[in-house]
């Protein structure tokens, strides 16, 4: 049995960022990640300004750029018969956005956590939580890739293990909000596809996006409601992908008329949710506690935001604030920032809008993201 101040279950964006910030405070932190270092995972890749601003303040944004991640300085919105372009203006310490592959971002965050003093172990599967006689979570047990047992005790166990979080389930984290909408996606990586930055396409019943990422590739997604995906997908993923891209672009975008990549990935959709974020001896960050539809391309930014807010709560505990008080404040801040985002994203991913409607929803989303940046940076003061 080993002892740490904090054990973080999950070593991707939310978990590695949390470990980095806690280790920088001088806490003895262990990260347990089931996958191998640098393994890929499903992702929309796009960082919004709040996420880029936090990475900049942590000294990591330059590493993402140095890894060959293209800078995004414009966003283009395509509607039927009309296109508008918005420049990314310098603000909150950043003058560009980035969309790193997860093989890049996750590795950079994990390495930074290790450099800060955290112990990061890959290939470890957590199977259960441990508790004391009062029911407080005291750590985790599991096994490594060789099958050897892992037994860790910690003052705080952080669940950063995604939508289907084992920590959330075993800790009994209540679901406090569930969305009504749900979007499904098919996406692939197109080599050498010209794009001016982030490009979003909206047409009633469907969406698409072009997201420039590493190695000269562009992540191109086609999105529909989860219900439509279930009705129309009959095993021909490539056919559905081509059909939706043609429908959403009106067939007029010559960049997307060539043969799509052979390897496509799909996500059938799942409603967003908000879980209780803390309890005796445990806390949740990222998708484990707050999950919004991928159509928002906001998941990585959410993860970085929650890591930042939880680290602030941990600092308060070290300063003498009772942990229940500090982590309750963490949940209030997360929910105050996240509630407006959750509400508008839930309407967007329901696909019940017409063109004037999606324009209004996107303006609301932009306003909520601006408020998020302000609130997160204020929390850093």
Foldseek 3Di string as FASTA:
>chain_A
DAEFAEEEEAQFLLRLLLLLLQLLVVGAYEYEAQADQLDFDDAPQWADPLQLLLCVVVVRNVVQVVLAWDWAQKEWEAEVPDIDMDGQPDDSNDRTITREGSSRRSNSSNVSSVVSPYHYDYQWDWDAFDADPVRFTFGTWTAGNVRHIDDYGHLAYEFAPAQVTPCCVRSVWAWDDWFDFKKKKKKDKDAQQDDNAWYKFDAQFKIWIWHGYHPRITIIMIMGTLVVCVVPDDPCSQVVGLVRVCVRVVVPDPSSPDRDDPDMDMDSIDIWTATHADDRRYGYAFNNGGDFYCVLSHRSSRSSLLSLLVSLLVVVVVVPDPSVVSVVVSVVLSCVLCVQLRVLRSVVNRSPDHPVRVVVSVVSNVVSVVVNSVSSVVSVD
